[in-house]
Amino acid sequence: MMIAACDRSIAAPVDVVWSLLVSADGLNEWMSVAADVDLRVGGVVRWTHENGAVVAGEFREIVPMRRLAFTYGWEEGGFPVPVGSSLVTIELEARGEVTDVRLRHTGLADEMAEQHEHGWALFIERLAARAEAGAPA
């Protein structure tokens, strides 16, 4: 098993980045066309990409403004990663008006780790662009 990793400094306060990560409206601003977020340990997170592929998981850890962990897998479309078979951990470190984002996606087979690392890099760039544009509407 491999790890998909993505680190990025975002020129936006941590509360802006956090809100884009943990709400359906926030996810729809940078990653999805439809999202469902039940922000509690054991709660569901699910989003639909522009191509109709659906990712789903369950929150495992929530430390507001600092750390988020959820299981991850493809419900339909996408890649052969079953729901619940991998784990995404996102750590945030606030440095004034800058937020350092550290994403680790574990439990992936080698070829899936490479695919997901590429995907996360693209989406984290979209997150950065959206966060740097200001607080979500």
C-alpha atoms as a PDB file:
ATOM      1  CA  MET A   1       0.000   0.000   0.000  1.00  0.00           C
ATOM      2  CA  MET A   2       1.098   3.505  -0.803  1.00  0.00           C
ATOM      3  CA  ILE A   3       0.275   7.012   0.398  1.00  0.00           C
ATOM      4  CA  ALA A   4      -0.980   9.839  -1.790  1.00  0.00           C
ATOM      5  CA  ALA A   5       0.351  13.098  -0.368  1.00  0.00           C
ATOM      6  CA  CYS A   6      -0.261  16.754  -1.083  1.00  0.00           C
ATOM      7  CA  ASP A   7       1.120  19.734   0.849  1.00  0.00           C
ATOM      8  CA  ARG A   8       0.240  23.337   0.028  1.00  0.00           C
ATOM      9  CA  SER A   9       0.440  26.730   1.697  1.00  0.00           C
ATOM     10  CA  ILE A  10      -2.692  28.774   1.050  1.00  0.00           C
ATOM     11  CA  ALA A  11      -2.730  32.558   1.439  1.00  0.00           C
ATOM     12  CA  ALA A  12      -5.992  32.551   3.407  1.00  0.00           C
ATOM     13  CA  PRO A  13      -6.938  32.351   7.088  1.00  0.00           C
ATOM     14  CA  VAL A  14      -7.553  28.900   8.543  1.00  0.00           C
ATOM     15  CA  ASP A  15     -11.273  29.550   9.152  1.00  0.00           C
ATOM     16  CA  VAL A  16     -11.815  30.180   5.431  1.00  0.00           C
ATOM     17  CA  VAL A  17      -9.966  26.992   4.445  1.00  0.00           C
ATOM     18  CA  TRP A  18     -11.777  24.961   7.131  1.00  0.00           C
ATOM     19  CA  SER A  19     -15.221  26.161   5.992  1.00  0.00           C
ATOM     20  CA  LEU A  20     -14.431  25.089   2.411  1.00  0.00           C
ATOM     21  CA  LEU A  21     -13.462  21.607   3.641  1.00  0.00           C
ATOM     22  CA  VAL A  22     -16.292  20.806   6.047  1.00  0.00           C
ATOM     23  CA  SER A  23     -19.546  22.030   4.510  1.00  0.00           C
ATOM     24  CA  ALA A  24     -21.533  20.924   1.481  1.00  0.00           C
ATOM     25  CA  ASP A  25     -21.630  24.511   0.198  1.00  0.00           C
ATOM     26  CA  GLY A  26     -17.880  24.778   0.743  1.00  0.00           C
ATOM     27  CA  LEU A  27     -17.109  21.558  -1.149  1.00  0.00           C
ATOM     28  CA  ASN A  28     -19.334  22.719  -3.991  1.00  0.00           C
ATOM     29  CA  GLU A  29     -17.174  25.840  -4.289  1.00  0.00           C
ATOM     30  CA  TRP A  30     -14.051  23.889  -5.346  1.00  0.00           C
ATOM     31  CA  MET A  31     -14.544  20.142  -5.707  1.00  0.00           C
ATOM     32  CA  SER A  32     -18.075  18.987  -6.387  1.00  0.00           C
ATOM     33  CA  VAL A  33     -21.383  19.743  -8.048  1.00  0.00           C
ATOM     34  CA  ALA A  34     -23.361  18.153  -5.204  1.00  0.00           C
ATOM     35  CA  ALA A  35     -22.263  17.306  -1.676  1.00  0.00           C
ATOM     36  CA  ASP A  36     -23.682  15.931   1.573  1.00  0.00           C
ATOM     37  CA  VAL A  37     -21.798  16.586   4.825  1.00  0.00           C
ATOM     38  CA  ASP A  38     -22.851  15.404   8.299  1.00  0.00           C
ATOM     39  CA  LEU A  39     -19.957  16.925  10.259  1.00  0.00           C
ATOM     40  CA  ARG A  40     -19.696  14.604  13.255  1.00  0.00           C
ATOM     41  CA  VAL A  41     -17.630  11.504  13.969  1.00  0.00           C
ATOM     42  CA  GLY A  42     -19.531   8.707  12.221  1.00  0.00           C
ATOM     43  CA  GLY A  43     -21.274  11.206   9.940  1.00  0.00           C
ATOM     44  CA  VAL A  44     -21.379  10.784   6.176  1.00  0.00           C
ATOM     45  CA  VAL A  45     -19.416  12.811   3.666  1.00  0.00           C
ATOM     46  CA  ARG A  46     -20.326  12.337  -0.007  1.00  0.00           C
ATOM     47  CA  TRP A  47     -19.688  14.380  -3.089  1.00  0.00           C
ATOM     48  CA  THR A  48     -20.336  14.154  -6.809  1.00  0.00           C
ATOM     49  CA  HIS A  49     -17.682  15.313  -9.252  1.00  0.00           C
ATOM     50  CA  GLU A  50     -18.501  17.207 -12.462  1.00  0.00           C
ATOM     51  CA  ASN A  51     -18.254  13.923 -14.427  1.00  0.00           C
ATOM     52  CA  GLY A  52     -20.902  12.267 -12.232  1.00  0.00           C
ATOM     53  CA  ALA A  53     -18.493  10.065 -10.245  1.00  0.00           C
ATOM     54  CA  VAL A  54     -19.425   9.818  -6.559  1.00  0.00           C
ATOM     55  CA  VAL A  55     -17.031   9.594  -3.588  1.00  0.00           C
ATOM     56  CA  ALA A  56     -18.333   8.626  -0.155  1.00  0.00           C
ATOM     57  CA  GLY A  57     -16.940   8.155   3.321  1.00  0.00           C
ATOM     58  CA  GLU A  58     -17.436   8.580   7.037  1.00  0.00           C
ATOM     59  CA  PHE A  59     -15.817  11.107   9.365  1.00  0.00           C
ATOM     60  CA  ARG A  60     -13.378   9.480  11.795  1.00  0.00           C
ATOM     61  CA  GLU A  61     -11.792  12.543  13.418  1.00  0.00           C
ATOM     62  CA  ILE A  62     -12.765  16.212  13.583  1.00  0.00           C
ATOM     63  CA  VAL A  63     -10.590  18.771  15.368  1.00  0.00           C
ATOM     64  CA  PRO A  64     -11.978  22.157  14.279  1.00  0.00           C
ATOM     65  CA  MET A  65      -9.520  24.342  12.357  1.00  0.00           C
ATOM     66  CA  ARG A  66      -6.764  21.697  12.782  1.00  0.00           C
ATOM     67  CA  ARG A  67      -7.492  18.159  11.590  1.00  0.00           C
ATOM     68  CA  LEU A  68     -10.058  16.208   9.602  1.00  0.00           C
ATOM     69  CA  ALA A  69     -10.025  12.484   8.831  1.00  0.00           C
ATOM     70  CA  PHE A  70     -12.561  10.487   6.834  1.00  0.00           C
ATOM     71  CA  THR A  71     -12.817   7.142   5.103  1.00  0.00           C
ATOM     72  CA  TYR A  72     -12.889   7.337   1.318  1.00  0.00           C
ATOM     73  CA  GLY A  73     -14.001   5.322  -1.666  1.00  0.00           C
ATOM     74  CA  TRP A  74     -15.838   5.530  -4.962  1.00  0.00           C
ATOM     75  CA  GLU A  75     -19.566   4.758  -4.888  1.00  0.00           C
ATOM     76  CA  GLU A  76     -19.971   5.033  -8.656  1.00  0.00           C
ATOM     77  CA  GLY A  77     -17.772   6.027 -11.569  1.00  0.00           C
ATOM     78  CA  GLY A  78     -14.220   6.873 -10.648  1.00  0.00           C
ATOM     79  CA  PHE A  79     -11.596   4.356  -9.582  1.00  0.00           C
ATOM     80  CA  PRO A  80     -11.576   0.842  -8.077  1.00  0.00           C
ATOM     81  CA  VAL A  81     -11.293   2.030  -4.471  1.00  0.00           C
ATOM     82  CA  PRO A  82     -14.217   0.605  -2.456  1.00  0.00           C
ATOM     83  CA  VAL A  83     -16.085   2.874  -0.042  1.00  0.00           C
ATOM     84  CA  GLY A  84     -14.431   2.735   3.371  1.00  0.00           C
ATOM     85  CA  SER A  85     -11.231   1.090   2.121  1.00  0.00           C
ATOM     86  CA  SER A  86      -8.929   4.105   2.464  1.00  0.00           C
ATOM     87  CA  LEU A  87      -8.469   7.090   4.772  1.00  0.00           C
ATOM     88  CA  VAL A  88      -7.929  10.779   4.006  1.00  0.00           C
ATOM     89  CA  THR A  89      -6.352  12.930   6.730  1.00  0.00           C
ATOM     90  CA  ILE A  90      -6.103  16.693   6.293  1.00  0.00           C
ATOM     91  CA  GLU A  91      -4.091  18.734   8.774  1.00  0.00           C
ATOM     92  CA  LEU A  92      -4.209  22.524   8.871  1.00  0.00           C
ATOM     93  CA  GLU A  93      -1.643  24.801  10.469  1.00  0.00           C
ATOM     94  CA  ALA A  94      -2.542  28.470  10.833  1.00  0.00           C
ATOM     95  CA  ARG A  95       0.279  30.950  10.333  1.00  0.00           C
ATOM     96  CA  GLY A  96      -1.493  34.310  10.497  1.00  0.00           C
ATOM     97  CA  GLU A  97      -3.132  34.911   7.126  1.00  0.00           C
ATOM     98  CA  VAL A  98      -1.568  31.730   5.675  1.00  0.00           C
ATOM     99  CA  THR A  99      -2.779  28.159   6.192  1.00  0.00           C
ATOM    100  CA  ASP A 100      -0.515  25.181   5.597  1.00  0.00           C
ATOM    101  CA  VAL A 101      -2.485  22.172   4.330  1.00  0.00           C
ATOM    102  CA  ARG A 102      -1.060  18.659   4.677  1.00  0.00           C
ATOM    103  CA  LEU A 103      -3.162  15.917   3.043  1.00  0.00           C
ATOM    104  CA  ARG A 104      -2.398  12.203   3.342  1.00  0.00           C
ATOM    105  CA  HIS A 105      -4.506   9.514   1.665  1.00  0.00           C
ATOM    106  CA  THR A 106      -3.577   6.059   2.976  1.00  0.00           C
ATOM    107  CA  GLY A 107      -4.725   2.524   2.201  1.00  0.00           C
ATOM    108  CA  LEU A 108      -4.393   2.793  -1.581  1.00  0.00           C
ATOM    109  CA  ALA A 109      -2.843   0.256  -3.942  1.00  0.00           C
ATOM    110  CA  ASP A 110       0.266   1.587  -5.721  1.00  0.00           C
ATOM    111  CA  GLU A 111      -1.401   2.596  -8.996  1.00  0.00           C
ATOM    112  CA  MET A 112      -4.356   4.146  -7.155  1.00  0.00           C
ATOM    113  CA  ALA A 113      -2.013   6.150  -4.908  1.00  0.00           C
ATOM    114  CA  GLU A 114      -0.408   7.706  -7.983  1.00  0.00           C
ATOM    115  CA  GLN A 115      -3.798   8.513  -9.555  1.00  0.00           C
ATOM    116  CA  HIS A 116      -5.171   9.984  -6.335  1.00  0.00           C
ATOM    117  CA  GLU A 117      -2.030  12.012  -5.609  1.00  0.00           C
ATOM    118  CA  HIS A 118      -2.424  13.631  -9.021  1.00  0.00           C
ATOM    119  CA  GLY A 119      -6.139  14.245  -8.371  1.00  0.00           C
ATOM    120  CA  TRP A 120      -5.608  15.687  -4.905  1.00  0.00           C
ATOM    121  CA  ALA A 121      -2.919  18.034  -6.249  1.00  0.00           C
ATOM    122  CA  LEU A 122      -5.395  19.389  -8.820  1.00  0.00           C
ATOM    123  CA  PHE A 123      -8.182  19.804  -6.282  1.00  0.00           C
ATOM    124  CA  ILE A 124      -5.964  21.365  -3.600  1.00  0.00           C
ATOM    125  CA  GLU A 125      -4.969  23.960  -6.206  1.00  0.00           C
ATOM    126  CA  ARG A 126      -8.679  24.650  -6.752  1.00  0.00           C
ATOM    127  CA  LEU A 127      -9.174  24.871  -2.962  1.00  0.00           C
ATOM    128  CA  ALA A 128      -6.290  27.352  -2.738  1.00  0.00           C
ATOM    129  CA  ALA A 129      -7.653  29.501  -5.567  1.00  0.00           C
ATOM    130  CA  ARG A 130     -11.112  29.569  -3.967  1.00  0.00           C
ATOM    131  CA  ALA A 131      -9.815  30.249  -0.438  1.00  0.00           C
ATOM    132  CA  GLU A 132      -7.490  32.996  -1.631  1.00  0.00           C
ATOM    133  CA  ALA A 133     -10.476  34.685  -3.323  1.00  0.00           C
ATOM    134  CA  GLY A 134     -12.043  35.264   0.118  1.00  0.00           C
ATOM    135  CA  ALA A 135     -14.606  33.824   2.489  1.00  0.00           C
ATOM    136  CA  PRO A 136     -17.295  31.570   0.958  1.00  0.00           C
ATOM    137  CA  ALA A 137     -20.622  33.229   0.141  1.00  0.00           C
END
